[in-house]
Amino acid sequence: TVVADAIRAAGGLPLEIRTTAPSDFVTSAGRKARYLMPTRDLVVND
């Protein structure tokens, strides 16, 4: 919200998008943490 307000004030149109959000201490619970490194590249593609 802070970023979006600043973009508007500067004359831009902010458009929020969401991606996956991997946490090393939460996303590591499944499959012996196999999802952690792959999520980095999943975010890039997202």
All heavy atoms as atom14 arrays in JSON, in Angstrom:
{
  "sequence": "TVVADAIRAAGGLPLEIRTTAPSDFVTSAGRKARYLMPTRDLVVND",
  "atom14_mask": [
    [1, 1, 1, 1, 1, 1, 1, 0, 0, 0, 0, 0, 0, 0],
    [1, 1, 1, 1, 1, 1, 1, 0, 0, 0, 0, 0, 0, 0],
    [1, 1, 1, 1, 1, 1, 1, 0, 0, 0, 0, 0, 0, 0],
    [1, 1, 1, 1, 1, 0, 0, 0, 0, 0, 0, 0, 0, 0],
    [1, 1, 1, 1, 1, 1, 1, 1, 0, 0, 0, 0, 0, 0],
    [1, 1, 1, 1, 1, 0, 0, 0, 0, 0, 0, 0, 0, 0],
    [1, 1, 1, 1, 1, 1, 1, 1, 0, 0, 0, 0, 0, 0],
    [1, 1, 1, 1, 1, 1, 1, 1, 1, 1, 1, 0, 0, 0],
    [1, 1, 1, 1, 1, 0, 0, 0, 0, 0, 0, 0, 0, 0],
    [1, 1, 1, 1, 1, 0, 0, 0, 0, 0, 0, 0, 0, 0],
    [1, 1, 1, 1, 0, 0, 0, 0, 0, 0, 0, 0, 0, 0],
    [1, 1, 1, 1, 0, 0, 0, 0, 0, 0, 0, 0, 0, 0],
    [1, 1, 1, 1, 1, 1, 1, 1, 0, 0, 0, 0, 0, 0],
    [1, 1, 1, 1, 1, 1, 1, 0, 0, 0, 0, 0, 0, 0],
    [1, 1, 1, 1, 1, 1, 1, 1, 0, 0, 0, 0, 0, 0],
    [1, 1, 1, 1, 1, 1, 1, 1, 1, 0, 0, 0, 0, 0],
    [1, 1, 1, 1, 1, 1, 1, 1, 0, 0, 0, 0, 0, 0],
    [1, 1, 1, 1, 1, 1, 1, 1, 1, 1, 1, 0, 0, 0],
    [1, 1, 1, 1, 1, 1, 1, 0, 0, 0, 0, 0, 0, 0],
    [1, 1, 1, 1, 1, 1, 1, 0, 0, 0, 0, 0, 0, 0],
    [1, 1, 1, 1, 1, 0, 0, 0, 0, 0, 0, 0, 0, 0],
    [1, 1, 1, 1, 1, 1, 1, 0, 0, 0, 0, 0, 0, 0],
    [1, 1, 1, 1, 1, 1, 0, 0, 0, 0, 0, 0, 0, 0],
    [1, 1, 1, 1, 1, 1, 1, 1, 0, 0, 0, 0, 0, 0],
    [1, 1, 1, 1, 1, 1, 1, 1, 1, 1, 1, 0, 0, 0],
    [1, 1, 1, 1, 1, 1, 1, 0, 0, 0, 0, 0, 0, 0],
    [1, 1, 1, 1, 1, 1, 1, 0, 0, 0, 0, 0, 0, 0],
    [1, 1, 1, 1, 1, 1, 0, 0, 0, 0, 0, 0, 0, 0],
    [1, 1, 1, 1, 1, 0, 0, 0, 0, 0, 0, 0, 0, 0],
    [1, 1, 1, 1, 0, 0, 0, 0, 0, 0, 0, 0, 0, 0],
    [1, 1, 1, 1, 1, 1, 1, 1, 1, 1, 1, 0, 0, 0],
    [1, 1, 1, 1, 1, 1, 1, 1, 1, 0, 0, 0, 0, 0],
    [1, 1, 1, 1, 1, 0, 0, 0, 0, 0, 0, 0, 0, 0],
    [1, 1, 1, 1, 1, 1, 1, 1, 1, 1, 1, 0, 0, 0],
    [1, 1, 1, 1, 1, 1, 1, 1, 1, 1, 1, 1, 0, 0],
    [1, 1, 1, 1, 1, 1, 1, 1, 0, 0, 0, 0, 0, 0],
    [1, 1, 1, 1, 1, 1, 1, 1, 0, 0, 0, 0, 0, 0],
    [1, 1, 1, 1, 1, 1, 1, 0, 0, 0, 0, 0, 0, 0],
    [1, 1, 1, 1, 1, 1, 1, 0, 0, 0, 0, 0, 0, 0],
    [1, 1, 1, 1, 1, 1, 1, 1, 1, 1, 1, 0, 0, 0],
    [1, 1, 1, 1, 1, 1, 1, 1, 0, 0, 0, 0, 0, 0],
    [1, 1, 1, 1, 1, 1, 1, 1, 0, 0, 0, 0, 0, 0],
    [1, 1, 1, 1, 1, 1, 1, 0, 0, 0, 0, 0, 0, 0],
    [1, 1, 1, 1, 1, 1, 1, 0, 0, 0, 0, 0, 0, 0],
    [1, 1, 1, 1, 1, 1, 1, 1, 0, 0, 0, 0, 0, 0],
    [1, 1, 1, 1, 1, 1, 1, 1, 0, 0, 0, 0, 0, 0]
  ],
  "atom14_positions": [
    [[0.83, -1.21, 0.0], [0.0, 0.0, 0.0], [0.86, 1.25, 0.0], [0.57, 2.23, -0.71], [-0.94, 0.0, 1.23], [-1.79, -1.15, 1.16], [-1.79, 1.25, 1.28], [0.0, 0.0, 0.0], [0.0, 0.0, 0.0], [0.0, 0.0, 0.0], [0.0, 0.0, 0.0], [0.0, 0.0, 0.0], [0.0, 0.0, 0.0], [0.0, 0.0, 0.0]],
    [[1.94, 1.25, 0.78], [2.86, 2.39, 0.82], [3.47, 2.62, -0.56], [3.54, 3.75, -1.06], [3.97, 2.14, 1.87], [5.07, 3.21, 1.77], [3.39, 2.12, 3.27], [0.0, 0.0, 0.0], [0.0, 0.0, 0.0], [0.0, 0.0, 0.0], [0.0, 0.0, 0.0], [0.0, 0.0, 0.0], [0.0, 0.0, 0.0], [0.0, 0.0, 0.0]],
    [[3.9, 1.54, -1.2], [4.51, 1.65, -2.53], [3.48, 2.16, -3.54], [3.76, 3.06, -4.35], [5.08, 0.29, -2.98], [5.54, 0.34, -4.44], [6.24, -0.13, -2.09], [0.0, 0.0, 0.0], [0.0, 0.0, 0.0], [0.0, 0.0, 0.0], [0.0, 0.0, 0.0], [0.0, 0.0, 0.0], [0.0, 0.0, 0.0], [0.0, 0.0, 0.0]],
    [[2.27, 1.6, -3.49], [1.23, 1.99, -4.44], [0.87, 3.46, -4.29], [0.69, 4.18, -5.29], [0.0, 1.11, -4.25], [0.0, 0.0, 0.0], [0.0, 0.0, 0.0], [0.0, 0.0, 0.0], [0.0, 0.0, 0.0], [0.0, 0.0, 0.0], [0.0, 0.0, 0.0], [0.0, 0.0, 0.0], [0.0, 0.0, 0.0], [0.0, 0.0, 0.0]],
    [[0.75, 3.93, -3.06], [0.43, 5.35, -2.83], [1.51, 6.26, -3.43], [1.2, 7.3, -4.02], [0.29, 5.62, -1.33], [-0.99, 5.02, -0.74], [-1.88, 4.65, -1.52], [-1.08, 4.94, 0.5], [0.0, 0.0, 0.0], [0.0, 0.0, 0.0], [0.0, 0.0, 0.0], [0.0, 0.0, 0.0], [0.0, 0.0, 0.0], [0.0, 0.0, 0.0]],
    [[2.78, 5.86, -3.28], [3.88, 6.66, -3.82], [3.87, 6.65, -5.34], [4.17, 7.67, -5.98], [5.21, 6.13, -3.28], [0.0, 0.0, 0.0], [0.0, 0.0, 0.0], [0.0, 0.0, 0.0], [0.0, 0.0, 0.0], [0.0, 0.0, 0.0], [0.0, 0.0, 0.0], [0.0, 0.0, 0.0], [0.0, 0.0, 0.0], [0.0, 0.0, 0.0]],
    [[3.54, 5.52, -5.94], [3.46, 5.45, -7.41], [2.37, 6.38, -7.93], [2.57, 7.13, -8.9], [3.2, 3.99, -7.85], [4.44, 3.13, -7.58], [2.81, 3.93, -9.34], [4.21, 1.64, -7.78], [0.0, 0.0, 0.0], [0.0, 0.0, 0.0], [0.0, 0.0, 0.0], [0.0, 0.0, 0.0], [0.0, 0.0, 0.0], [0.0, 0.0, 0.0]],
    [[1.22, 6.37, -7.27], [0.13, 7.27, -7.69], [0.55, 8.73, -7.57], [0.3, 9.54, -8.47], [-1.11, 7.02, -6.83], [-1.85, 5.73, -7.13], [-3.2, 5.69, -6.44], [-3.75, 4.34, -6.49], [-3.57, 3.43, -5.54], [-2.85, 3.73, -4.46], [-4.09, 2.22, -5.66], [0.0, 0.0, 0.0], [0.0, 0.0, 0.0], [0.0, 0.0, 0.0]],
    [[1.19, 9.07, -6.46], [1.61, 10.45, -6.24], [2.62, 10.91, -7.29], [2.7, 12.09, -7.63], [2.21, 10.6, -4.84], [0.0, 0.0, 0.0], [0.0, 0.0, 0.0], [0.0, 0.0, 0.0], [0.0, 0.0, 0.0], [0.0, 0.0, 0.0], [0.0, 0.0, 0.0], [0.0, 0.0, 0.0], [0.0, 0.0, 0.0], [0.0, 0.0, 0.0]],
    [[3.39, 9.96, -7.84], [4.4, 10.29, -8.84], [3.84, 10.28, -10.26], [4.58, 10.53, -11.22], [5.57, 9.31, -8.73], [0.0, 0.0, 0.0], [0.0, 0.0, 0.0], [0.0, 0.0, 0.0], [0.0, 0.0, 0.0], [0.0, 0.0, 0.0], [0.0, 0.0, 0.0], [0.0, 0.0, 0.0], [0.0, 0.0, 0.0], [0.0, 0.0, 0.0]],
    [[2.56, 9.97, -10.39], [1.94, 9.99, -11.71], [1.86, 8.67, -12.41], [1.67, 8.61, -13.62], [0.0, 0.0, 0.0], [0.0, 0.0, 0.0], [0.0, 0.0, 0.0], [0.0, 0.0, 0.0], [0.0, 0.0, 0.0], [0.0, 0.0, 0.0], [0.0, 0.0, 0.0], [0.0, 0.0, 0.0], [0.0, 0.0, 0.0], [0.0, 0.0, 0.0]],
    [[1.97, 7.57, -11.66], [1.87, 6.23, -12.24], [0.61, 5.51, -11.79], [-0.12, 5.99, -10.9], [0.0, 0.0, 0.0], [0.0, 0.0, 0.0], [0.0, 0.0, 0.0], [0.0, 0.0, 0.0], [0.0, 0.0, 0.0], [0.0, 0.0, 0.0], [0.0, 0.0, 0.0], [0.0, 0.0, 0.0], [0.0, 0.0, 0.0], [0.0, 0.0, 0.0]],
    [[0.35, 4.37, -12.4], [-0.78, 3.51, -12.03], [-0.23, 2.22, -11.43], [0.34, 1.39, -12.15], [-1.64, 3.19, -13.25], [-2.77, 2.18, -13.02], [-3.8, 2.72, -12.02], [-3.44, 1.81, -14.35], [0.0, 0.0, 0.0], [0.0, 0.0, 0.0], [0.0, 0.0, 0.0], [0.0, 0.0, 0.0], [0.0, 0.0, 0.0], [0.0, 0.0, 0.0]],
    [[-0.36, 2.02, -10.1], [0.13, 0.79, -9.48], [-0.86, -0.36, -9.71], [-2.07, -0.18, -9.57], [0.22, 1.15, -8.0], [-0.84, 2.19, -7.81], [-0.91, 2.96, -9.1], [0.0, 0.0, 0.0], [0.0, 0.0, 0.0], [0.0, 0.0, 0.0], [0.0, 0.0, 0.0], [0.0, 0.0, 0.0], [0.0, 0.0, 0.0], [0.0, 0.0, 0.0]],
    [[-0.33, -1.52, -10.05], [-1.14, -2.71, -10.26], [-0.5, -3.86, -9.48], [0.57, -4.35, -9.86], [-1.24, -3.04, -11.75], [-1.96, -1.98, -12.59], [-1.59, -2.12, -14.06], [-3.46, -2.07, -12.4], [0.0, 0.0, 0.0], [0.0, 0.0, 0.0], [0.0, 0.0, 0.0], [0.0, 0.0, 0.0], [0.0, 0.0, 0.0], [0.0, 0.0, 0.0]],
    [[-1.11, -4.24, -8.38], [-0.52, -5.26, -7.52], [-0.72, -6.64, -8.11], [-1.82, -7.0, -8.56], [-1.16, -5.2, -6.13], [-0.53, -6.16, -5.13], [-1.17, -6.04, -3.75], [-1.8, -5.0, -3.46], [-1.04, -7.0, -2.97], [0.0, 0.0, 0.0], [0.0, 0.0, 0.0], [0.0, 0.0, 0.0], [0.0, 0.0, 0.0], [0.0, 0.0, 0.0]],
    [[0.36, -7.43, -8.14], [0.27, -8.84, -8.53], [0.85, -9.69, -7.41], [1.68, -9.24, -6.63], [0.99, -9.11, -9.86], [2.5, -8.91, -9.72], [0.44, -8.23, -10.98], [3.29, -9.38, -10.92], [0.0, 0.0, 0.0], [0.0, 0.0, 0.0], [0.0, 0.0, 0.0], [0.0, 0.0, 0.0], [0.0, 0.0, 0.0], [0.0, 0.0, 0.0]],
    [[0.4, -10.92, -7.33], [0.84, -11.84, -6.27], [1.62, -13.0, -6.89], [1.34, -13.43, -8.01], [-0.36, -12.4, -5.51], [-1.25, -11.35, -4.85], [-0.51, -10.62, -3.74], [-1.37, -9.68, -3.05], [-1.94, -9.89, -1.86], [-1.75, -11.03, -1.24], [-2.69, -8.96, -1.29], [0.0, 0.0, 0.0], [0.0, 0.0, 0.0], [0.0, 0.0, 0.0]],
    [[2.58, -13.49, -6.15], [3.31, -14.69, -6.56], [3.34, -15.66, -5.37], [2.92, -15.32, -4.26], [4.76, -14.37, -6.94], [5.5, -14.05, -5.76], [4.83, -13.22, -7.94], [0.0, 0.0, 0.0], [0.0, 0.0, 0.0], [0.0, 0.0, 0.0], [0.0, 0.0, 0.0], [0.0, 0.0, 0.0], [0.0, 0.0, 0.0], [0.0, 0.0, 0.0]],
    [[3.85, -16.85, -5.61], [4.1, -17.76, -4.5], [5.12, -17.12, -3.55], [5.92, -16.27, -3.97], [4.62, -19.12, -5.01], [4.67, -20.05, -3.92], [5.99, -19.0, -5.62], [0.0, 0.0, 0.0], [0.0, 0.0, 0.0], [0.0, 0.0, 0.0], [0.0, 0.0, 0.0], [0.0, 0.0, 0.0], [0.0, 0.0, 0.0], [0.0, 0.0, 0.0]],
    [[5.09, -17.5, -2.29], [5.95, -16.89, -1.29], [6.63, -17.98, -0.45], [6.14, -18.34, 0.62], [5.14, -15.95, -0.39], [0.0, 0.0, 0.0], [0.0, 0.0, 0.0], [0.0, 0.0, 0.0], [0.0, 0.0, 0.0], [0.0, 0.0, 0.0], [0.0, 0.0, 0.0], [0.0, 0.0, 0.0], [0.0, 0.0, 0.0], [0.0, 0.0, 0.0]],
    [[7.74, -18.53, -0.93], [8.4, -19.62, -0.2], [9.13, -19.15, 1.05], [9.86, -18.16, 1.02], [9.39, -20.17, -1.23], [9.69, -18.99, -2.12], [8.42, -18.2, -2.19], [0.0, 0.0, 0.0], [0.0, 0.0, 0.0], [0.0, 0.0, 0.0], [0.0, 0.0, 0.0], [0.0, 0.0, 0.0], [0.0, 0.0, 0.0], [0.0, 0.0, 0.0]],
    [[8.92, -19.85, 2.14], [9.61, -19.58, 3.39], [10.46, -20.78, 3.75], [9.96, -21.91, 3.81], [8.61, -19.31, 4.52], [9.23, -19.43, 5.78], [0.0, 0.0, 0.0], [0.0, 0.0, 0.0], [0.0, 0.0, 0.0], [0.0, 0.0, 0.0], [0.0, 0.0, 0.0], [0.0, 0.0, 0.0], [0.0, 0.0, 0.0], [0.0, 0.0, 0.0]],
    [[11.74, -20.56, 4.02], [12.62, -21.68, 4.31], [12.23, -22.45, 5.57], [12.58, -23.62, 5.69], [14.07, -21.19, 4.42], [14.76, -21.18, 3.07], [14.09, -20.85, 2.08], [15.97, -21.49, 3.01], [0.0, 0.0, 0.0], [0.0, 0.0, 0.0], [0.0, 0.0, 0.0], [0.0, 0.0, 0.0], [0.0, 0.0, 0.0], [0.0, 0.0, 0.0]],
    [[11.53, -21.82, 6.48], [11.14, -22.52, 7.7], [9.71, -23.03, 7.67], [9.25, -23.63, 8.64], [11.35, -21.62, 8.92], [12.8, -21.48, 9.31], [13.38, -20.24, 9.44], [13.58, -22.6, 9.52], [14.72, -20.11, 9.78], [14.92, -22.48, 9.87], [15.5, -21.23, 10.0], [0.0, 0.0, 0.0], [0.0, 0.0, 0.0], [0.0, 0.0, 0.0]],
    [[8.99, -22.79, 6.57], [7.62, -23.3, 6.45], [7.48, -24.18, 5.2], [7.03, -25.32, 5.27], [6.59, -22.14, 6.41], [5.18, -22.68, 6.19], [6.63, -21.36, 7.74], [0.0, 0.0, 0.0], [0.0, 0.0, 0.0], [0.0, 0.0, 0.0], [0.0, 0.0, 0.0], [0.0, 0.0, 0.0], [0.0, 0.0, 0.0], [0.0, 0.0, 0.0]],
    [[7.92, -23.66, 4.06], [7.83, -24.42, 2.81], [8.76, -25.62, 2.83], [8.64, -26.51, 1.98], [8.15, -23.5, 1.61], [7.42, -22.29, 1.75], [7.75, -24.15, 0.3], [0.0, 0.0, 0.0], [0.0, 0.0, 0.0], [0.0, 0.0, 0.0], [0.0, 0.0, 0.0], [0.0, 0.0, 0.0], [0.0, 0.0, 0.0], [0.0, 0.0, 0.0]],
    [[9.67, -25.68, 3.78], [10.6, -26.8, 3.89], [9.96, -28.05, 4.49], [10.57, -29.12, 4.5], [11.8, -26.4, 4.76], [11.36, -26.01, 6.05], [0.0, 0.0, 0.0], [0.0, 0.0, 0.0], [0.0, 0.0, 0.0], [0.0, 0.0, 0.0], [0.0, 0.0, 0.0], [0.0, 0.0, 0.0], [0.0, 0.0, 0.0], [0.0, 0.0, 0.0]],
    [[8.73, -27.93, 4.98], [8.11, -29.07, 5.69], [7.81, -30.23, 4.75], [7.9, -31.4, 5.15], [6.82, -28.6, 6.37], [0.0, 0.0, 0.0], [0.0, 0.0, 0.0], [0.0, 0.0, 0.0], [0.0, 0.0, 0.0], [0.0, 0.0, 0.0], [0.0, 0.0, 0.0], [0.0, 0.0, 0.0], [0.0, 0.0, 0.0], [0.0, 0.0, 0.0]],
    [[7.45, -29.95, 3.51], [7.07, -31.01, 2.59], [8.21, -31.53, 1.76], [9.08, -30.77, 1.31], [0.0, 0.0, 0.0], [0.0, 0.0, 0.0], [0.0, 0.0, 0.0], [0.0, 0.0, 0.0], [0.0, 0.0, 0.0], [0.0, 0.0, 0.0], [0.0, 0.0, 0.0], [0.0, 0.0, 0.0], [0.0, 0.0, 0.0], [0.0, 0.0, 0.0]],
    [[8.23, -32.84, 1.57], [9.17, -33.49, 0.65], [10.63, -33.17, 0.99], [11.45, -32.95, 0.12], [8.87, -33.11, -0.8], [7.48, -33.47, -1.32], [7.23, -34.97, -1.36], [8.29, -35.63, -2.07], [8.34, -35.73, -3.41], [7.4, -35.18, -4.14], [9.33, -36.37, -3.99], [0.0, 0.0, 0.0], [0.0, 0.0, 0.0], [0.0, 0.0, 0.0]],
    [[10.92, -33.12, 2.28], [12.31, -32.89, 2.72], [12.87, -31.6, 2.15], [14.04, -31.52, 1.8], [13.22, -34.06, 2.35], [12.71, -35.41, 2.79], [12.61, -35.54, 4.29], [12.18, -36.94, 4.7], [11.9, -37.03, 6.15], [0.0, 0.0, 0.0], [0.0, 0.0, 0.0], [0.0, 0.0, 0.0], [0.0, 0.0, 0.0], [0.0, 0.0, 0.0]],
    [[12.03, -30.58, 2.05], [12.42, -29.23, 1.58], [12.71, -29.18, 0.1], [13.3, -28.2, -0.38], [13.62, -28.7, 2.38], [0.0, 0.0, 0.0], [0.0, 0.0, 0.0], [0.0, 0.0, 0.0], [0.0, 0.0, 0.0], [0.0, 0.0, 0.0], [0.0, 0.0, 0.0], [0.0, 0.0, 0.0], [0.0, 0.0, 0.0], [0.0, 0.0, 0.0]],
    [[12.3, -30.17, -0.66], [12.58, -30.19, -2.09], [11.96, -29.01, -2.84], [12.42, -28.64, -3.92], [12.08, -31.49, -2.72], [12.98, -32.69, -2.46], [12.36, -33.96, -3.05], [13.3, -35.07, -3.04], [13.49, -35.88, -2.01], [12.81, -35.68, -0.88], [14.36, -36.88, -2.08], [0.0, 0.0, 0.0], [0.0, 0.0, 0.0], [0.0, 0.0, 0.0]],
    [[10.91, -28.42, -2.3], [10.25, -27.33, -3.01], [11.0, -26.0, -2.9], [10.72, -25.07, -3.66], [8.82, -27.14, -2.48], [7.86, -28.19, -2.99], [7.41, -29.2, -2.15], [7.41, -28.17, -4.31], [6.54, -30.17, -2.61], [6.55, -29.14, -4.78], [6.1, -30.14, -3.93], [5.26, -31.1, -4.4], [0.0, 0.0, 0.0], [0.0, 0.0, 0.0]],
    [[11.93, -25.88, -1.96], [12.52, -24.57, -1.69], [13.27, -23.98, -2.89], [12.95, -22.89, -3.36], [13.47, -24.65, -0.49], [12.78, -24.65, 0.88], [13.81, -24.74, 1.98], [11.93, -23.41, 1.05], [0.0, 0.0, 0.0], [0.0, 0.0, 0.0], [0.0, 0.0, 0.0], [0.0, 0.0, 0.0], [0.0, 0.0, 0.0], [0.0, 0.0, 0.0]],
    [[14.28, -24.66, -3.39], [15.02, -24.11, -4.53], [14.14, -23.94, -5.77], [14.19, -22.91, -6.44], [16.23, -24.98, -4.85], [17.53, -24.48, -4.23], [18.06, -22.87, -4.87], [18.63, -23.33, -6.5], [0.0, 0.0, 0.0], [0.0, 0.0, 0.0], [0.0, 0.0, 0.0], [0.0, 0.0, 0.0], [0.0, 0.0, 0.0], [0.0, 0.0, 0.0]],
    [[13.3, -24.93, -6.1], [12.44, -24.76, -7.27], [11.49, -23.57, -7.17], [11.12, -23.0, -8.21], [11.67, -26.09, -7.35], [12.59, -27.08, -6.73], [13.26, -26.33, -5.61], [0.0, 0.0, 0.0], [0.0, 0.0, 0.0], [0.0, 0.0, 0.0], [0.0, 0.0, 0.0], [0.0, 0.0, 0.0], [0.0, 0.0, 0.0], [0.0, 0.0, 0.0]],
    [[11.11, -23.17, -5.95], [10.19, -22.03, -5.85], [10.87, -20.74, -6.29], [10.18, -19.81, -6.74], [9.64, -21.86, -4.43], [10.72, -21.79, -3.5], [8.7, -22.97, -4.05], [0.0, 0.0, 0.0], [0.0, 0.0, 0.0], [0.0, 0.0, 0.0], [0.0, 0.0, 0.0], [0.0, 0.0, 0.0], [0.0, 0.0, 0.0], [0.0, 0.0, 0.0]],
    [[12.19, -20.66, -6.14], [12.89, -19.46, -6.63], [12.58, -19.24, -8.1], [12.19, -18.14, -8.52], [14.4, -19.62, -6.42], [15.22, -18.41, -6.85], [16.7, -18.75, -6.99], [16.95, -19.59, -8.17], [18.16, -19.98, -8.55], [19.23, -19.63, -7.86], [18.31, -20.74, -9.64], [0.0, 0.0, 0.0], [0.0, 0.0, 0.0], [0.0, 0.0, 0.0]],
    [[12.73, -20.28, -8.89], [12.52, -20.15, -10.33], [11.04, -20.1, -10.68], [10.67, -19.52, -11.7], [13.22, -21.31, -11.04], [14.72, -21.26, -10.81], [15.17, -21.72, -9.75], [15.45, -20.74, -11.66], [0.0, 0.0, 0.0], [0.0, 0.0, 0.0], [0.0, 0.0, 0.0], [0.0, 0.0, 0.0], [0.0, 0.0, 0.0], [0.0, 0.0, 0.0]],
    [[10.2, -20.66, -9.82], [8.75, -20.54, -10.02], [8.33, -19.08, -9.89], [7.51, -18.58, -10.66], [8.02, -21.4, -8.99], [6.51, -21.55, -9.14], [6.15, -22.2, -10.49], [5.95, -22.39, -8.0], [0.0, 0.0, 0.0], [0.0, 0.0, 0.0], [0.0, 0.0, 0.0], [0.0, 0.0, 0.0], [0.0, 0.0, 0.0], [0.0, 0.0, 0.0]],
    [[8.9, -18.36, -8.9], [8.6, -16.94, -8.73], [9.04, -16.15, -9.96], [8.32, -15.27, -10.44], [9.28, -16.39, -7.46], [9.16, -14.86, -7.4], [8.66, -16.99, -6.21], [0.0, 0.0, 0.0], [0.0, 0.0, 0.0], [0.0, 0.0, 0.0], [0.0, 0.0, 0.0], [0.0, 0.0, 0.0], [0.0, 0.0, 0.0], [0.0, 0.0, 0.0]],
    [[10.23, -16.46, -10.49], [10.71, -15.76, -11.68], [9.72, -15.92, -12.83], [9.34, -14.95, -13.5], [12.1, -16.3, -12.12], [12.58, -15.57, -13.37], [13.11, -16.12, -11.0], [0.0, 0.0, 0.0], [0.0, 0.0, 0.0], [0.0, 0.0, 0.0], [0.0, 0.0, 0.0], [0.0, 0.0, 0.0], [0.0, 0.0, 0.0], [0.0, 0.0, 0.0]],
    [[9.27, -17.14, -13.06], [8.33, -17.39, -14.14], [6.98, -16.74, -13.87], [6.3, -16.27, -14.8], [8.15, -18.89, -14.35], [9.4, -19.54, -14.93], [10.24, -18.88, -15.51], [9.52, -20.84, -14.75], [0.0, 0.0, 0.0], [0.0, 0.0, 0.0], [0.0, 0.0, 0.0], [0.0, 0.0, 0.0], [0.0, 0.0, 0.0], [0.0, 0.0, 0.0]],
    [[6.57, -16.72, -12.61], [5.32, -16.09, -12.21], [5.34, -14.6, -12.54], [4.38, -14.04, -13.1], [5.13, -16.3, -10.7], [3.68, -16.32, -10.28], [2.82, -15.93, -11.08], [3.41, -16.73, -9.14], [0.0, 0.0, 0.0], [0.0, 0.0, 0.0], [0.0, 0.0, 0.0], [0.0, 0.0, 0.0], [0.0, 0.0, 0.0], [0.0, 0.0, 0.0]]
  ]
}
